[in-house]
Amino acid sequence: DGNTVNVRSHETNLGNLICDAMLWKTAADRSQIALMNGGGIRSGLSAGPISYGQILEVMPFGSTIARVLLTGEQVLAALEHGVSHVGDTESTGRFAQVAGVRYRYSADRPSGQRVLHAEVRQGQDYAPLDRSATYNVMVNSFMLRGGDGYTMFADGREQLDMGFVLADAVAEYITAHSPVSPQVEGRIVADIQRVLP
């Protein structure tokens, strides 16, 4: 599902596939979390054989995978930024698809206070996000440069463009794991209960 409204407002199976590919490609660098702005996903993929040309239609910008070390507090700020405009009349590209992290948020809360709970994957399980811990985060090069308003990455440590073209990484991941059938897994959950201020 690469529908523009969907990838900019909630978890999609294509967003999960792309973020999983980012972590898989950078596993040797001990990557823990991947974030992909929904605005960077421009098309979906139909069931059946997938060509490299179709993957380029999904991610046509030539972005590469970049690493940044972030504190849990900075990761939380990035998650908050991603959901800061959910529910507005126009969706924005800042909504982040994710891997290695899962969280619950409420769009009824003020911007900057929407994430209710976040957990980071540890092996086969998840543990609560530790605001003081350091996490090895993979993003695309556009986001690392502050694209879609992700200015918090500028404060991260050991920023490095890994040089892996994101579309290539996704193609390699699909080839290595074919047939793929990504699912929506509850990585991003919108709290439908109205939260009182």
N, C-alpha and C. Protein backbone atom coordinates (compact mmCIF):
# COMPACT_ATOMS: atom_id res chain seq x y z
N ASP A 1 0.85 -1.19 0.00
CA ASP A 1 0.00 0.00 0.00
C ASP A 1 0.89 1.24 0.00
N GLY A 2 0.96 1.90 -1.14
CA GLY A 2 1.72 3.14 -1.24
C GLY A 2 0.83 4.33 -1.50
N ASN A 3 -0.47 4.19 -1.20
CA ASN A 3 -1.40 5.30 -1.37
C ASN A 3 -0.91 6.52 -0.61
N THR A 4 -0.91 7.67 -1.26
CA THR A 4 -0.32 8.88 -0.67
C THR A 4 -0.93 9.22 0.68
N VAL A 5 -2.25 9.20 0.77
CA VAL A 5 -2.90 9.53 2.04
C VAL A 5 -2.52 8.52 3.11
N ASN A 6 -2.47 7.25 2.76
CA ASN A 6 -2.18 6.21 3.74
C ASN A 6 -0.76 6.29 4.29
N VAL A 7 0.23 6.42 3.40
CA VAL A 7 1.61 6.44 3.88
C VAL A 7 1.94 7.71 4.66
N ARG A 8 1.06 8.71 4.54
CA ARG A 8 1.27 9.96 5.27
C ARG A 8 0.37 10.08 6.50
N SER A 9 -0.29 8.98 6.86
CA SER A 9 -1.20 9.07 8.01
C SER A 9 -1.19 7.85 8.92
N HIS A 10 -0.75 6.70 8.44
CA HIS A 10 -0.70 5.52 9.30
C HIS A 10 0.26 4.46 8.75
N GLU A 11 0.52 3.47 9.56
CA GLU A 11 1.40 2.37 9.17
C GLU A 11 0.87 1.68 7.92
N THR A 12 1.75 1.39 6.97
CA THR A 12 1.37 0.60 5.80
C THR A 12 2.35 -0.55 5.63
N ASN A 13 1.91 -1.58 4.92
CA ASN A 13 2.80 -2.73 4.71
C ASN A 13 3.99 -2.35 3.83
N LEU A 14 3.81 -1.42 2.89
CA LEU A 14 4.94 -0.99 2.06
C LEU A 14 5.94 -0.19 2.90
N GLY A 15 5.43 0.66 3.78
CA GLY A 15 6.33 1.38 4.68
C GLY A 15 7.13 0.43 5.53
N ASN A 16 6.49 -0.63 6.02
CA ASN A 16 7.19 -1.63 6.81
C ASN A 16 8.27 -2.34 5.98
N LEU A 17 7.93 -2.68 4.74
CA LEU A 17 8.89 -3.34 3.87
C LEU A 17 10.13 -2.48 3.65
N ILE A 18 9.93 -1.20 3.36
CA ILE A 18 11.06 -0.30 3.10
C ILE A 18 11.93 -0.16 4.34
N CYS A 19 11.30 0.04 5.49
CA CYS A 19 12.08 0.21 6.72
C CYS A 19 12.78 -1.09 7.12
N ASP A 20 12.13 -2.22 6.91
CA ASP A 20 12.79 -3.51 7.18
C ASP A 20 14.02 -3.66 6.29
N ALA A 21 13.90 -3.25 5.03
CA ALA A 21 15.03 -3.33 4.10
C ALA A 21 16.18 -2.44 4.56
N MET A 22 15.86 -1.27 5.12
CA MET A 22 16.90 -0.37 5.62
C MET A 22 17.69 -1.03 6.75
N LEU A 23 16.99 -1.67 7.68
CA LEU A 23 17.68 -2.35 8.79
C LEU A 23 18.46 -3.56 8.31
N TRP A 24 17.88 -4.30 7.37
CA TRP A 24 18.56 -5.48 6.83
C TRP A 24 19.86 -5.08 6.12
N LYS A 25 19.79 -4.04 5.31
CA LYS A 25 20.97 -3.60 4.55
C LYS A 25 22.08 -3.09 5.47
N THR A 26 21.73 -2.56 6.61
CA THR A 26 22.72 -1.95 7.51
C THR A 26 22.95 -2.78 8.77
N ALA A 27 22.56 -4.05 8.73
CA ALA A 27 22.70 -4.90 9.91
C ALA A 27 24.14 -4.98 10.39
N ALA A 28 25.10 -4.94 9.47
CA ALA A 28 26.51 -5.01 9.86
C ALA A 28 26.93 -3.79 10.67
N ASP A 29 26.19 -2.71 10.56
CA ASP A 29 26.45 -1.49 11.32
C ASP A 29 25.66 -1.48 12.63
N ARG A 30 25.03 -2.61 12.96
CA ARG A 30 24.25 -2.76 14.19
C ARG A 30 23.11 -1.75 14.27
N SER A 31 22.44 -1.56 13.16
CA SER A 31 21.30 -0.64 13.12
C SER A 31 20.18 -1.17 14.01
N GLN A 32 19.46 -0.24 14.64
CA GLN A 32 18.39 -0.61 15.56
C GLN A 32 17.01 -0.11 15.13
N ILE A 33 16.96 1.09 14.60
CA ILE A 33 15.70 1.74 14.26
C ILE A 33 15.81 2.31 12.85
N ALA A 34 14.73 2.22 12.08
CA ALA A 34 14.69 2.86 10.76
C ALA A 34 13.44 3.73 10.69
N LEU A 35 13.60 4.91 10.12
CA LEU A 35 12.50 5.85 9.89
C LEU A 35 12.49 6.26 8.43
N MET A 36 11.32 6.27 7.82
CA MET A 36 11.17 6.67 6.43
C MET A 36 9.99 7.62 6.32
N ASN A 37 10.24 8.84 5.84
CA ASN A 37 9.15 9.79 5.69
C ASN A 37 8.15 9.31 4.64
N GLY A 38 6.87 9.40 4.97
CA GLY A 38 5.84 8.96 4.04
C GLY A 38 5.87 9.72 2.73
N GLY A 39 6.34 10.97 2.76
CA GLY A 39 6.42 11.75 1.54
C GLY A 39 7.42 11.21 0.53
N GLY A 40 8.31 10.34 0.99
CA GLY A 40 9.29 9.74 0.10
C GLY A 40 8.78 8.50 -0.60
N ILE A 41 7.54 8.10 -0.30
CA ILE A 41 6.92 6.92 -0.92
C ILE A 41 5.87 7.43 -1.90
N ARG A 42 6.11 7.23 -3.19
CA ARG A 42 5.29 7.87 -4.22
C ARG A 42 4.39 6.93 -5.00
N SER A 43 4.43 5.64 -4.71
CA SER A 43 3.61 4.69 -5.46
C SER A 43 3.52 3.41 -4.65
N GLY A 44 2.61 2.53 -5.04
CA GLY A 44 2.49 1.23 -4.40
C GLY A 44 3.05 0.14 -5.29
N LEU A 45 3.02 -1.08 -4.79
CA LEU A 45 3.47 -2.25 -5.55
C LEU A 45 2.34 -3.26 -5.60
N SER A 46 2.01 -3.71 -6.79
CA SER A 46 0.96 -4.71 -6.94
C SER A 46 1.51 -6.10 -6.70
N ALA A 47 0.63 -7.01 -6.34
CA ALA A 47 1.04 -8.40 -6.16
C ALA A 47 1.59 -8.94 -7.47
N GLY A 48 2.56 -9.84 -7.35
CA GLY A 48 3.17 -10.44 -8.54
C GLY A 48 4.62 -10.04 -8.67
N PRO A 49 5.24 -10.39 -9.79
CA PRO A 49 6.65 -10.04 -10.00
C PRO A 49 6.85 -8.52 -9.92
N ILE A 50 7.97 -8.12 -9.34
CA ILE A 50 8.28 -6.71 -9.16
C ILE A 50 9.54 -6.38 -9.94
N SER A 51 9.49 -5.34 -10.76
CA SER A 51 10.66 -4.92 -11.52
C SER A 51 11.38 -3.79 -10.78
N TYR A 52 12.63 -3.58 -11.14
CA TYR A 52 13.38 -2.48 -10.52
C TYR A 52 12.73 -1.15 -10.90
N GLY A 53 12.18 -1.06 -12.09
CA GLY A 53 11.50 0.16 -12.51
C GLY A 53 10.33 0.50 -11.61
N GLN A 54 9.60 -0.53 -11.15
CA GLN A 54 8.48 -0.29 -10.23
C GLN A 54 8.98 0.23 -8.89
N ILE A 55 10.11 -0.29 -8.44
CA ILE A 55 10.68 0.18 -7.16
C ILE A 55 11.11 1.64 -7.30
N LEU A 56 11.63 2.01 -8.46
CA LEU A 56 12.01 3.40 -8.68
C LEU A 56 10.79 4.31 -8.71
N GLU A 57 9.65 3.79 -9.14
CA GLU A 57 8.43 4.59 -9.09
C GLU A 57 8.01 4.83 -7.64
N VAL A 58 8.27 3.87 -6.77
CA VAL A 58 7.96 4.02 -5.35
C VAL A 58 8.87 5.07 -4.72
N MET A 59 10.17 5.00 -5.02
CA MET A 59 11.18 5.88 -4.42
C MET A 59 12.01 6.50 -5.53
N PRO A 60 11.52 7.55 -6.17
CA PRO A 60 12.17 8.10 -7.37
C PRO A 60 13.26 9.13 -7.11
N PHE A 61 13.59 9.39 -5.85
CA PHE A 61 14.45 10.54 -5.57
C PHE A 61 15.94 10.21 -5.45
N GLY A 62 16.31 8.95 -5.49
CA GLY A 62 17.73 8.60 -5.39
C GLY A 62 18.31 8.77 -4.00
N SER A 63 17.46 8.82 -2.98
CA SER A 63 17.96 8.97 -1.62
C SER A 63 18.80 7.77 -1.21
N THR A 64 19.75 8.03 -0.34
CA THR A 64 20.59 6.97 0.20
C THR A 64 20.23 6.75 1.68
N ILE A 65 20.71 5.66 2.23
CA ILE A 65 20.50 5.37 3.65
C ILE A 65 21.58 6.08 4.46
N ALA A 66 21.17 6.74 5.52
CA ALA A 66 22.11 7.48 6.36
C ALA A 66 21.94 7.05 7.81
N ARG A 67 23.05 7.10 8.55
CA ARG A 67 23.04 6.72 9.96
C ARG A 67 23.19 7.95 10.83
N VAL A 68 22.51 7.92 11.97
CA VAL A 68 22.70 8.96 12.98
C VAL A 68 22.46 8.32 14.35
N LEU A 69 23.33 8.61 15.30
CA LEU A 69 23.14 8.13 16.67
C LEU A 69 22.30 9.15 17.42
N LEU A 70 21.19 8.68 17.96
CA LEU A 70 20.25 9.56 18.67
C LEU A 70 20.00 9.05 20.07
N THR A 71 19.78 9.96 20.99
CA THR A 71 19.30 9.56 22.31
C THR A 71 17.83 9.16 22.18
N GLY A 72 17.36 8.44 23.18
CA GLY A 72 15.95 8.10 23.18
C GLY A 72 15.07 9.34 23.15
N GLU A 73 15.53 10.40 23.81
CA GLU A 73 14.79 11.66 23.79
C GLU A 73 14.68 12.21 22.38
N GLN A 74 15.77 12.11 21.60
CA GLN A 74 15.75 12.58 20.21
C GLN A 74 14.90 11.68 19.32
N VAL A 75 14.93 10.37 19.58
CA VAL A 75 14.05 9.45 18.84
C VAL A 75 12.60 9.82 19.10
N LEU A 76 12.28 10.06 20.36
CA LEU A 76 10.92 10.46 20.72
C LEU A 76 10.52 11.75 20.01
N ALA A 77 11.46 12.71 19.94
CA ALA A 77 11.18 13.97 19.24
C ALA A 77 10.88 13.71 17.77
N ALA A 78 11.60 12.77 17.16
CA ALA A 78 11.36 12.44 15.75
C ALA A 78 9.99 11.80 15.58
N LEU A 79 9.62 10.89 16.48
CA LEU A 79 8.30 10.27 16.40
C LEU A 79 7.20 11.31 16.59
N GLU A 80 7.41 12.21 17.55
CA GLU A 80 6.44 13.29 17.77
C GLU A 80 6.30 14.15 16.52
N HIS A 81 7.42 14.47 15.89
CA HIS A 81 7.38 15.28 14.69
C HIS A 81 6.58 14.59 13.59
N GLY A 82 6.77 13.29 13.46
CA GLY A 82 6.08 12.54 12.42
C GLY A 82 4.57 12.58 12.54
N VAL A 83 4.06 12.60 13.77
CA VAL A 83 2.60 12.59 13.96
C VAL A 83 2.05 13.97 14.29
N SER A 84 2.87 15.00 14.19
CA SER A 84 2.46 16.33 14.62
C SER A 84 1.34 16.94 13.78
N HIS A 85 1.16 16.47 12.55
CA HIS A 85 0.11 17.03 11.71
C HIS A 85 -0.97 16.01 11.32
N VAL A 86 -0.95 14.84 11.98
CA VAL A 86 -2.00 13.87 11.70
C VAL A 86 -3.34 14.47 12.11
N GLY A 87 -4.32 14.37 11.22
CA GLY A 87 -5.64 14.92 11.50
C GLY A 87 -5.86 16.29 10.90
N ASP A 88 -4.78 16.92 10.40
CA ASP A 88 -4.94 18.20 9.72
C ASP A 88 -5.68 17.98 8.40
N THR A 89 -6.16 19.07 7.82
CA THR A 89 -6.91 18.94 6.57
C THR A 89 -6.04 18.41 5.44
N GLU A 90 -4.74 18.69 5.47
CA GLU A 90 -3.83 18.16 4.46
C GLU A 90 -2.77 17.30 5.12
N SER A 91 -2.58 16.08 4.61
CA SER A 91 -1.54 15.22 5.14
C SER A 91 -0.19 15.76 4.70
N THR A 92 0.83 15.48 5.50
CA THR A 92 2.17 15.95 5.16
C THR A 92 3.13 14.78 5.07
N GLY A 93 4.20 14.99 4.33
CA GLY A 93 5.16 13.92 4.10
C GLY A 93 5.98 13.55 5.31
N ARG A 94 5.86 14.30 6.40
CA ARG A 94 6.70 14.03 7.57
C ARG A 94 6.30 12.77 8.33
N PHE A 95 5.08 12.27 8.14
CA PHE A 95 4.66 11.07 8.86
C PHE A 95 5.66 9.95 8.59
N ALA A 96 6.18 9.33 9.65
CA ALA A 96 7.26 8.36 9.49
C ALA A 96 6.77 6.92 9.56
N GLN A 97 7.11 6.16 8.54
CA GLN A 97 7.00 4.71 8.60
C GLN A 97 8.22 4.22 9.39
N VAL A 98 8.10 3.08 10.08
CA VAL A 98 9.16 2.71 11.03
C VAL A 98 9.47 1.21 11.00
N ALA A 99 10.65 0.89 11.52
CA ALA A 99 11.04 -0.48 11.84
C ALA A 99 11.94 -0.42 13.06
N GLY A 100 11.89 -1.47 13.88
CA GLY A 100 12.73 -1.52 15.08
C GLY A 100 12.14 -0.76 16.25
N VAL A 101 11.03 -0.10 16.03
CA VAL A 101 10.36 0.66 17.08
C VAL A 101 8.86 0.56 16.84
N ARG A 102 8.10 0.60 17.92
CA ARG A 102 6.65 0.67 17.78
C ARG A 102 6.14 1.66 18.82
N TYR A 103 5.02 2.32 18.48
CA TYR A 103 4.52 3.32 19.41
C TYR A 103 3.02 3.55 19.23
N ARG A 104 2.43 4.12 20.27
CA ARG A 104 1.02 4.49 20.28
C ARG A 104 0.94 6.00 20.45
N TYR A 105 0.03 6.63 19.72
CA TYR A 105 -0.10 8.08 19.83
C TYR A 105 -1.58 8.47 19.76
N SER A 106 -1.85 9.70 20.17
CA SER A 106 -3.20 10.25 20.07
C SER A 106 -3.15 11.59 19.37
N ALA A 107 -3.86 11.70 18.25
CA ALA A 107 -3.94 12.96 17.51
C ALA A 107 -4.81 13.99 18.23
N ASP A 108 -5.48 13.57 19.30
CA ASP A 108 -6.30 14.50 20.07
C ASP A 108 -5.46 15.32 21.04
N ARG A 109 -4.23 14.91 21.25
CA ARG A 109 -3.36 15.66 22.16
C ARG A 109 -2.64 16.77 21.39
N PRO A 110 -2.10 17.76 22.10
CA PRO A 110 -1.38 18.84 21.43
C PRO A 110 -0.14 18.32 20.70
N SER A 111 0.22 18.97 19.62
CA SER A 111 1.43 18.61 18.89
C SER A 111 2.62 18.67 19.84
N GLY A 112 3.47 17.67 19.79
CA GLY A 112 4.62 17.58 20.69
C GLY A 112 4.35 16.77 21.93
N GLN A 113 3.07 16.39 22.14
CA GLN A 113 2.69 15.59 23.31
C GLN A 113 1.80 14.42 22.90
N ARG A 114 1.97 13.97 21.68
CA ARG A 114 1.04 12.98 21.15
C ARG A 114 1.47 11.53 21.37
N VAL A 115 2.76 11.27 21.46
CA VAL A 115 3.22 9.89 21.63
C VAL A 115 2.96 9.46 23.07
N LEU A 116 2.16 8.41 23.22
CA LEU A 116 1.76 7.93 24.53
C LEU A 116 2.71 6.88 25.08
N HIS A 117 3.29 6.10 24.19
CA HIS A 117 4.17 5.00 24.62
C HIS A 117 5.01 4.57 23.41
N ALA A 118 6.29 4.31 23.65
CA ALA A 118 7.17 3.85 22.56
C ALA A 118 8.06 2.74 23.07
N GLU A 119 8.30 1.76 22.22
CA GLU A 119 9.16 0.62 22.56
C GLU A 119 10.13 0.37 21.42
N VAL A 120 11.30 -0.12 21.78
CA VAL A 120 12.34 -0.43 20.81
C VAL A 120 12.55 -1.95 20.78
N ARG A 121 12.70 -2.48 19.59
CA ARG A 121 12.89 -3.93 19.44
C ARG A 121 14.23 -4.36 20.01
N GLN A 122 14.20 -5.41 20.80
CA GLN A 122 15.40 -6.03 21.33
C GLN A 122 15.28 -7.53 21.11
N GLY A 123 15.97 -8.03 20.10
CA GLY A 123 15.82 -9.43 19.73
C GLY A 123 14.42 -9.67 19.18
N GLN A 124 13.71 -10.63 19.78
CA GLN A 124 12.35 -10.93 19.35
C GLN A 124 11.30 -10.16 20.15
N ASP A 125 11.75 -9.40 21.13
CA ASP A 125 10.82 -8.68 22.00
C ASP A 125 11.02 -7.17 21.86
N TYR A 126 10.22 -6.42 22.60
CA TYR A 126 10.33 -4.96 22.65
C TYR A 126 10.51 -4.53 24.09
N ALA A 127 11.27 -3.46 24.28
CA ALA A 127 11.47 -2.88 25.60
C ALA A 127 11.14 -1.40 25.52
N PRO A 128 10.67 -0.80 26.63
CA PRO A 128 10.34 0.62 26.59
C PRO A 128 11.50 1.47 26.12
N LEU A 129 11.20 2.48 25.32
CA LEU A 129 12.21 3.44 24.86
C LEU A 129 12.86 4.08 26.08
N ASP A 130 14.17 4.07 26.12
CA ASP A 130 14.94 4.68 27.21
C ASP A 130 15.40 6.05 26.73
N ARG A 131 14.88 7.10 27.33
CA ARG A 131 15.18 8.45 26.86
C ARG A 131 16.66 8.80 26.96
N SER A 132 17.38 8.17 27.86
CA SER A 132 18.79 8.49 28.05
C SER A 132 19.73 7.56 27.28
N ALA A 133 19.20 6.49 26.70
CA ALA A 133 20.03 5.55 25.94
C ALA A 133 20.36 6.13 24.56
N THR A 134 21.33 5.53 23.91
CA THR A 134 21.70 5.92 22.54
C THR A 134 21.27 4.83 21.58
N TYR A 135 20.65 5.24 20.49
CA TYR A 135 20.16 4.29 19.50
C TYR A 135 20.79 4.58 18.13
N ASN A 136 21.07 3.51 17.40
CA ASN A 136 21.65 3.59 16.06
C ASN A 136 20.49 3.64 15.06
N VAL A 137 20.24 4.81 14.51
CA VAL A 137 19.04 5.06 13.71
C VAL A 137 19.39 5.24 12.24
N MET A 138 18.63 4.59 11.37
CA MET A 138 18.79 4.73 9.93
C MET A 138 17.63 5.55 9.38
N VAL A 139 17.96 6.54 8.58
CA VAL A 139 16.98 7.39 7.91
C VAL A 139 17.42 7.53 6.47
N ASN A 140 16.64 8.22 5.65
CA ASN A 140 17.14 8.49 4.31
C ASN A 140 17.91 9.82 4.33
N SER A 141 18.71 10.02 3.32
CA SER A 141 19.60 11.19 3.28
C SER A 141 18.82 12.50 3.29
N PHE A 142 17.63 12.51 2.73
CA PHE A 142 16.78 13.71 2.74
C PHE A 142 16.41 14.08 4.17
N MET A 143 16.02 13.09 4.96
CA MET A 143 15.64 13.35 6.34
C MET A 143 16.85 13.79 7.17
N LEU A 144 18.00 13.16 6.93
CA LEU A 144 19.19 13.53 7.70
C LEU A 144 19.54 14.99 7.50
N ARG A 145 19.27 15.51 6.31
CA ARG A 145 19.56 16.92 6.01
C ARG A 145 18.45 17.86 6.52
N GLY A 146 17.50 17.32 7.26
CA GLY A 146 16.43 18.16 7.81
C GLY A 146 15.18 18.20 6.97
N GLY A 147 15.12 17.36 5.93
CA GLY A 147 13.94 17.32 5.07
C GLY A 147 12.69 16.97 5.84
N ASP A 148 11.56 17.54 5.43
CA ASP A 148 10.26 17.37 6.08
C ASP A 148 10.30 17.82 7.54
N GLY A 149 11.25 18.72 7.84
CA GLY A 149 11.30 19.32 9.17
C GLY A 149 12.00 18.50 10.24
N TYR A 150 12.71 17.45 9.84
CA TYR A 150 13.40 16.61 10.83
C TYR A 150 14.72 17.25 11.28
N THR A 151 14.62 18.42 11.87
CA THR A 151 15.81 19.17 12.28
C THR A 151 16.53 18.53 13.46
N MET A 152 15.84 17.68 14.22
CA MET A 152 16.49 17.05 15.39
C MET A 152 17.65 16.15 15.01
N PHE A 153 17.69 15.69 13.75
CA PHE A 153 18.80 14.82 13.34
C PHE A 153 20.12 15.57 13.29
N ALA A 154 20.06 16.90 13.12
CA ALA A 154 21.28 17.70 13.09
C ALA A 154 22.03 17.63 14.41
N ASP A 155 21.32 17.32 15.50
CA ASP A 155 21.94 17.24 16.82
C ASP A 155 22.43 15.83 17.14
N GLY A 156 22.17 14.88 16.24
CA GLY A 156 22.62 13.52 16.46
C GLY A 156 24.12 13.38 16.25
N ARG A 157 24.68 12.32 16.78
CA ARG A 157 26.12 12.08 16.68
C ARG A 157 26.43 11.10 15.54
N GLU A 158 27.68 11.15 15.10
CA GLU A 158 28.23 10.21 14.11
C GLU A 158 27.34 10.08 12.87
N GLN A 159 26.91 11.21 12.35
CA GLN A 159 26.10 11.22 11.14
C GLN A 159 26.94 10.71 9.96
N LEU A 160 26.37 9.80 9.21
CA LEU A 160 27.12 9.21 8.08
C LEU A 160 26.17 8.77 6.99
N ASP A 161 26.39 9.26 5.79
CA ASP A 161 25.68 8.73 4.63
C ASP A 161 26.31 7.39 4.30
N MET A 162 25.55 6.32 4.42
CA MET A 162 26.08 4.97 4.21
C MET A 162 26.41 4.69 2.75
N GLY A 163 25.84 5.49 1.84
CA GLY A 163 26.12 5.32 0.42
C GLY A 163 25.24 4.29 -0.27
N PHE A 164 24.35 3.63 0.47
CA PHE A 164 23.46 2.64 -0.12
C PHE A 164 22.23 3.35 -0.68
N VAL A 165 22.00 3.27 -1.98
CA VAL A 165 20.79 3.86 -2.57
C VAL A 165 19.60 3.08 -2.03
N LEU A 166 18.63 3.80 -1.49
CA LEU A 166 17.50 3.16 -0.83
C LEU A 166 16.74 2.23 -1.77
N ALA A 167 16.52 2.65 -2.99
CA ALA A 167 15.80 1.79 -3.95
C ALA A 167 16.57 0.49 -4.20
N ASP A 168 17.90 0.59 -4.27
CA ASP A 168 18.72 -0.61 -4.46
C ASP A 168 18.56 -1.55 -3.27
N ALA A 169 18.58 -0.98 -2.06
CA ALA A 169 18.47 -1.80 -0.84
C ALA A 169 17.13 -2.53 -0.81
N VAL A 170 16.07 -1.85 -1.20
CA VAL A 170 14.76 -2.49 -1.21
C VAL A 170 14.72 -3.60 -2.26
N ALA A 171 15.30 -3.36 -3.43
CA ALA A 171 15.34 -4.39 -4.48
C ALA A 171 16.13 -5.61 -4.00
N GLU A 172 17.26 -5.36 -3.33
CA GLU A 172 18.07 -6.47 -2.81
C GLU A 172 17.33 -7.24 -1.73
N TYR A 173 16.62 -6.51 -0.89
CA TYR A 173 15.86 -7.16 0.18
C TYR A 173 14.77 -8.06 -0.40
N ILE A 174 14.04 -7.54 -1.39
CA ILE A 174 12.98 -8.34 -2.00
C ILE A 174 13.56 -9.58 -2.67
N THR A 175 14.68 -9.41 -3.36
CA THR A 175 15.32 -10.55 -4.02
C THR A 175 15.75 -11.60 -3.01
N ALA A 176 16.33 -11.15 -1.90
CA ALA A 176 16.84 -12.07 -0.88
C ALA A 176 15.73 -12.78 -0.11
N HIS A 177 14.56 -12.15 -0.01
CA HIS A 177 13.49 -12.71 0.82
C HIS A 177 12.26 -13.14 0.02
N SER A 178 12.36 -13.12 -1.29
CA SER A 178 11.21 -13.45 -2.13
C SER A 178 10.72 -14.88 -1.87
N PRO A 179 9.41 -15.10 -1.83
CA PRO A 179 8.36 -14.08 -2.00
C PRO A 179 8.12 -13.30 -0.70
N VAL A 180 7.90 -12.02 -0.83
CA VAL A 180 7.63 -11.18 0.34
C VAL A 180 6.13 -10.92 0.44
N SER A 181 5.67 -10.79 1.66
CA SER A 181 4.26 -10.49 1.91
C SER A 181 4.18 -9.65 3.19
N PRO A 182 4.64 -8.41 3.12
CA PRO A 182 4.67 -7.57 4.33
C PRO A 182 3.26 -7.29 4.84
N GLN A 183 3.16 -7.16 6.14
CA GLN A 183 1.86 -6.93 6.77
C GLN A 183 1.91 -5.68 7.64
N VAL A 184 0.74 -5.14 7.95
CA VAL A 184 0.62 -4.10 8.98
C VAL A 184 0.65 -4.84 10.31
N GLU A 185 1.58 -4.47 11.19
CA GLU A 185 1.87 -5.26 12.39
C GLU A 185 1.57 -4.54 13.70
N GLY A 186 1.04 -3.35 13.65
CA GLY A 186 0.82 -2.61 14.88
C GLY A 186 2.06 -1.85 15.33
N ARG A 187 2.93 -1.51 14.39
CA ARG A 187 4.10 -0.71 14.74
C ARG A 187 3.69 0.71 15.12
N ILE A 188 2.64 1.22 14.48
CA ILE A 188 2.12 2.56 14.77
C ILE A 188 0.64 2.41 15.05
N VAL A 189 0.23 2.75 16.26
CA VAL A 189 -1.16 2.59 16.64
C VAL A 189 -1.72 3.95 17.05
N ALA A 190 -2.81 4.35 16.41
CA ALA A 190 -3.49 5.60 16.77
C ALA A 190 -4.49 5.29 17.86
N ASP A 191 -4.39 6.00 18.98
CA ASP A 191 -5.31 5.83 20.09
C ASP A 191 -6.62 6.49 19.72
N ILE A 192 -7.68 5.71 19.62
CA ILE A 192 -8.96 6.26 19.18
C ILE A 192 -9.76 6.84 20.34
N GLN A 193 -9.26 6.67 21.56
CA GLN A 193 -9.92 7.25 22.71
C GLN A 193 -9.53 8.72 22.84
N ARG A 194 -10.48 9.59 22.96
CA ARG A 194 -10.16 11.01 23.15
C ARG A 194 -9.46 11.20 24.47
N VAL A 195 -8.33 11.88 24.42
CA VAL A 195 -7.54 12.14 25.63
C VAL A 195 -7.84 13.56 26.10
N LEU A 196 -8.27 13.68 27.31
CA LEU A 196 -8.59 15.00 27.86
C LEU A 196 -7.31 15.74 28.21
N PRO A 197 -7.26 17.07 28.03
CA PRO A 197 -6.04 17.83 28.35
C PRO A 197 -5.78 17.81 29.86
